[in-house]
Amino acid sequence: MGAPMPGDGPTRAFLRALLDAIDIPEPATDADTATRNAVLADRAGHAAIALRDVLTGAGRFGPEWITEYLRDRLDETPVTGYRPLDDSSDPEPLPSTGHVVLGRELAAVHEQDRTDYAAAEALRQAEDHRAPGLA
């Protein structure tokens, strides 16, 4: 027997707002972590204030008003400024290493591969055209 689920009323709306405040996407890269953590800290702070107000009865306008107030604060602290892990522009993993790189880094890797290939091909051709006995 599971715990009772809140109905579709004010309690459920408040719980949904709390979850929306703290359930934000993971960062795509280590570089995005600090920004994501700052966004999460701001949103969690707003959620804590709202939760405290509901639990202590401090919200003189009731839970519906506190929920709306929390939603307004969340709108002021959007989940932006970093690239989320589930973003469609996620970094592409390198097939050989599994490391995650950004698009421009991937282009640089491909350019280096082309340069390495061209150098290896030039060396091979030079060895093919070397005069016999000149080793």
C-alpha atoms as a PDB file:
ATOM      1  CA  MET A   1       0.000   0.000   0.000  1.00  0.00           C
ATOM      2  CA  GLY A   2       1.620   3.260  -1.157  1.00  0.00           C
ATOM      3  CA  ALA A   3       1.476   6.706   0.323  1.00  0.00           C
ATOM      4  CA  PRO A   4      -1.628   8.709  -0.567  1.00  0.00           C
ATOM      5  CA  MET A   5      -1.145  10.983  -3.562  1.00  0.00           C
ATOM      6  CA  PRO A   6      -2.096  14.627  -3.255  1.00  0.00           C
ATOM      7  CA  GLY A   7      -5.129  15.573  -5.280  1.00  0.00           C
ATOM      8  CA  ASP A   8      -5.250  18.071  -8.097  1.00  0.00           C
ATOM      9  CA  GLY A   9      -5.668  20.948  -5.695  1.00  0.00           C
ATOM     10  CA  PRO A  10      -3.361  23.483  -4.094  1.00  0.00           C
ATOM     11  CA  THR A  11      -1.154  20.879  -2.392  1.00  0.00           C
ATOM     12  CA  ARG A  12      -0.282  19.192  -5.668  1.00  0.00           C
ATOM     13  CA  ALA A  13       0.353  22.555  -7.368  1.00  0.00           C
ATOM     14  CA  PHE A  14       2.666  23.577  -4.530  1.00  0.00           C
ATOM     15  CA  LEU A  15       4.563  20.283  -4.627  1.00  0.00           C
ATOM     16  CA  ARG A  16       4.901  20.603  -8.403  1.00  0.00           C
ATOM     17  CA  ALA A  17       6.354  24.103  -8.022  1.00  0.00           C
ATOM     18  CA  LEU A  18       8.842  22.808  -5.435  1.00  0.00           C
ATOM     19  CA  LEU A  19       9.929  20.019  -7.767  1.00  0.00           C
ATOM     20  CA  ASP A  20      10.228  22.416 -10.694  1.00  0.00           C
ATOM     21  CA  ALA A  21      12.475  24.600  -8.549  1.00  0.00           C
ATOM     22  CA  ILE A  22      15.025  21.912  -7.777  1.00  0.00           C
ATOM     23  CA  ASP A  23      14.701  19.348 -10.568  1.00  0.00           C
ATOM     24  CA  ILE A  24      16.884  21.009 -13.186  1.00  0.00           C
ATOM     25  CA  PRO A  25      19.020  19.297 -15.830  1.00  0.00           C
ATOM     26  CA  GLU A  26      22.559  18.206 -15.116  1.00  0.00           C
ATOM     27  CA  PRO A  27      25.315  20.212 -16.827  1.00  0.00           C
ATOM     28  CA  ALA A  28      26.673  18.953 -20.140  1.00  0.00           C
ATOM     29  CA  THR A  29      30.296  19.657 -19.242  1.00  0.00           C
ATOM     30  CA  ASP A  30      32.425  20.392 -16.200  1.00  0.00           C
ATOM     31  CA  ALA A  31      32.622  23.992 -17.386  1.00  0.00           C
ATOM     32  CA  ASP A  32      28.826  24.270 -17.025  1.00  0.00           C
ATOM     33  CA  THR A  33      28.776  22.936 -13.454  1.00  0.00           C
ATOM     34  CA  ALA A  34      29.427  26.214 -11.598  1.00  0.00           C
ATOM     35  CA  THR A  35      26.656  28.040 -13.459  1.00  0.00           C
ATOM     36  CA  ARG A  36      24.221  25.163 -12.964  1.00  0.00           C
ATOM     37  CA  ASN A  37      25.046  25.056  -9.245  1.00  0.00           C
ATOM     38  CA  ALA A  38      24.438  28.806  -8.898  1.00  0.00           C
ATOM     39  CA  VAL A  39      21.077  28.515 -10.689  1.00  0.00           C
ATOM     40  CA  LEU A  40      20.102  25.557  -8.509  1.00  0.00           C
ATOM     41  CA  ALA A  41      21.131  27.363  -5.315  1.00  0.00           C
ATOM     42  CA  ASP A  42      18.979  30.383  -6.189  1.00  0.00           C
ATOM     43  CA  ARG A  43      15.983  28.220  -7.077  1.00  0.00           C
ATOM     44  CA  ALA A  44      16.386  26.006  -4.004  1.00  0.00           C
ATOM     45  CA  GLY A  45      16.526  29.112  -1.818  1.00  0.00           C
ATOM     46  CA  HIS A  46      13.203  30.327  -3.216  1.00  0.00           C
ATOM     47  CA  ALA A  47      11.729  26.848  -2.699  1.00  0.00           C
ATOM     48  CA  ALA A  48      12.928  26.724   0.909  1.00  0.00           C
ATOM     49  CA  ILE A  49      11.372  30.099   1.693  1.00  0.00           C
ATOM     50  CA  ALA A  50       8.055  29.041   0.159  1.00  0.00           C
ATOM     51  CA  LEU A  51       8.086  25.700   1.963  1.00  0.00           C
ATOM     52  CA  ARG A  52       8.894  27.402   5.273  1.00  0.00           C
ATOM     53  CA  ASP A  53       6.042  29.868   4.732  1.00  0.00           C
ATOM     54  CA  VAL A  54       3.545  27.076   4.035  1.00  0.00           C
ATOM     55  CA  LEU A  55       4.673  24.941   6.977  1.00  0.00           C
ATOM     56  CA  THR A  56       4.665  27.806   9.482  1.00  0.00           C
ATOM     57  CA  GLY A  57       1.511  29.395   8.179  1.00  0.00           C
ATOM     58  CA  ALA A  58       3.457  32.588   7.578  1.00  0.00           C
ATOM     59  CA  GLY A  59       1.890  33.116   4.179  1.00  0.00           C
ATOM     60  CA  ARG A  60      -1.016  35.341   5.037  1.00  0.00           C
ATOM     61  CA  PHE A  61      -2.596  34.750   1.635  1.00  0.00           C
ATOM     62  CA  GLY A  62      -2.517  30.943   1.786  1.00  0.00           C
ATOM     63  CA  PRO A  63      -0.788  28.146  -0.141  1.00  0.00           C
ATOM     64  CA  GLU A  64      -2.178  29.164  -3.530  1.00  0.00           C
ATOM     65  CA  TRP A  65      -0.643  32.620  -3.204  1.00  0.00           C
ATOM     66  CA  ILE A  66       2.682  31.160  -1.994  1.00  0.00           C
ATOM     67  CA  THR A  67       2.696  28.772  -4.958  1.00  0.00           C
ATOM     68  CA  GLU A  68       2.127  31.642  -7.368  1.00  0.00           C
ATOM     69  CA  TYR A  69       4.788  33.699  -5.615  1.00  0.00           C
ATOM     70  CA  LEU A  70       7.256  30.786  -5.914  1.00  0.00           C
ATOM     71  CA  ARG A  71       6.438  30.411  -9.619  1.00  0.00           C
ATOM     72  CA  ASP A  72       7.110  34.126 -10.105  1.00  0.00           C
ATOM     73  CA  ARG A  73      10.499  33.798  -8.355  1.00  0.00           C
ATOM     74  CA  LEU A  74      11.355  30.772 -10.524  1.00  0.00           C
ATOM     75  CA  ASP A  75      10.496  32.779 -13.626  1.00  0.00           C
ATOM     76  CA  GLU A  76      13.052  35.341 -12.436  1.00  0.00           C
ATOM     77  CA  THR A  77      15.661  32.560 -12.067  1.00  0.00           C
ATOM     78  CA  PRO A  78      15.321  30.598 -15.316  1.00  0.00           C
ATOM     79  CA  VAL A  79      17.337  27.486 -15.993  1.00  0.00           C
ATOM     80  CA  THR A  80      19.693  29.209 -18.414  1.00  0.00           C
ATOM     81  CA  GLY A  81      23.339  30.170 -18.674  1.00  0.00           C
ATOM     82  CA  TYR A  82      24.645  26.650 -19.021  1.00  0.00           C
ATOM     83  CA  ARG A  83      24.232  23.810 -21.449  1.00  0.00           C
ATOM     84  CA  PRO A  84      22.117  21.014 -19.978  1.00  0.00           C
ATOM     85  CA  LEU A  85      23.087  17.392 -20.461  1.00  0.00           C
ATOM     86  CA  ASP A  86      19.858  16.577 -22.283  1.00  0.00           C
ATOM     87  CA  ASP A  87      20.253  19.499 -24.703  1.00  0.00           C
ATOM     88  CA  SER A  88      19.958  18.469 -28.358  1.00  0.00           C
ATOM     89  CA  SER A  89      23.244  20.279 -28.974  1.00  0.00           C
ATOM     90  CA  ASP A  90      25.048  18.011 -26.528  1.00  0.00           C
ATOM     91  CA  PRO A  91      28.710  17.474 -27.119  1.00  0.00           C
ATOM     92  CA  GLU A  92      29.519  14.604 -29.430  1.00  0.00           C
ATOM     93  CA  PRO A  93      31.527  11.739 -27.906  1.00  0.00           C
ATOM     94  CA  LEU A  94      34.686  10.791 -29.734  1.00  0.00           C
ATOM     95  CA  PRO A  95      34.235   7.205 -30.939  1.00  0.00           C
ATOM     96  CA  SER A  96      37.782   6.114 -30.117  1.00  0.00           C
ATOM     97  CA  THR A  97      38.017   7.531 -26.593  1.00  0.00           C
ATOM     98  CA  GLY A  98      34.480   8.127 -25.375  1.00  0.00           C
ATOM     99  CA  HIS A  99      35.542  11.614 -24.226  1.00  0.00           C
ATOM    100  CA  VAL A 100      33.007  14.384 -24.630  1.00  0.00           C
ATOM    101  CA  VAL A 101      34.045  17.432 -26.612  1.00  0.00           C
ATOM    102  CA  LEU A 102      32.349  20.574 -27.826  1.00  0.00           C
ATOM    103  CA  GLY A 103      31.604  21.074 -31.512  1.00  0.00           C
ATOM    104  CA  ARG A 104      34.546  23.382 -32.143  1.00  0.00           C
ATOM    105  CA  GLU A 105      36.829  20.985 -30.277  1.00  0.00           C
ATOM    106  CA  LEU A 106      35.531  18.125 -32.380  1.00  0.00           C
ATOM    107  CA  ALA A 107      36.249  20.128 -35.536  1.00  0.00           C
ATOM    108  CA  ALA A 108      39.792  20.706 -34.274  1.00  0.00           C
ATOM    109  CA  VAL A 109      40.203  16.989 -33.613  1.00  0.00           C
ATOM    110  CA  HIS A 110      39.000  16.180 -37.125  1.00  0.00           C
ATOM    111  CA  GLU A 111      41.368  18.800 -38.553  1.00  0.00           C
ATOM    112  CA  GLN A 112      44.260  17.298 -36.593  1.00  0.00           C
ATOM    113  CA  ASP A 113      43.282  13.833 -37.880  1.00  0.00           C
ATOM    114  CA  ARG A 114      43.363  15.172 -41.440  1.00  0.00           C
ATOM    115  CA  THR A 115      46.766  16.783 -40.805  1.00  0.00           C
ATOM    116  CA  ASP A 116      48.125  13.589 -39.252  1.00  0.00           C
ATOM    117  CA  TYR A 117      46.793  11.547 -42.146  1.00  0.00           C
ATOM    118  CA  ALA A 118      48.291  13.929 -44.711  1.00  0.00           C
ATOM    119  CA  ALA A 119      51.667  13.810 -42.946  1.00  0.00           C
ATOM    120  CA  ALA A 120      51.604  10.013 -42.779  1.00  0.00           C
ATOM    121  CA  GLU A 121      50.585   9.810 -46.445  1.00  0.00           C
ATOM    122  CA  ALA A 122      53.394  12.190 -47.479  1.00  0.00           C
ATOM    123  CA  LEU A 123      55.893  10.103 -45.515  1.00  0.00           C
ATOM    124  CA  ARG A 124      54.616   6.903 -47.140  1.00  0.00           C
ATOM    125  CA  GLN A 125      54.839   8.422 -50.607  1.00  0.00           C
ATOM    126  CA  ALA A 126      58.351   9.702 -49.902  1.00  0.00           C
ATOM    127  CA  GLU A 127      59.394   6.224 -48.827  1.00  0.00           C
ATOM    128  CA  ASP A 128      57.817   4.746 -51.976  1.00  0.00           C
ATOM    129  CA  HIS A 129      59.799   7.149 -54.195  1.00  0.00           C
ATOM    130  CA  ARG A 130      63.073   6.789 -52.361  1.00  0.00           C
ATOM    131  CA  ALA A 131      65.872   5.514 -54.555  1.00  0.00           C
ATOM    132  CA  PRO A 132      66.896   1.921 -53.832  1.00  0.00           C
ATOM    133  CA  GLY A 133      69.851   1.716 -51.498  1.00  0.00           C
ATOM    134  CA  LEU A 134      69.112   5.064 -49.797  1.00  0.00           C
ATOM    135  CA  ALA A 135      67.771   3.847 -46.561  1.00  0.00           C
END
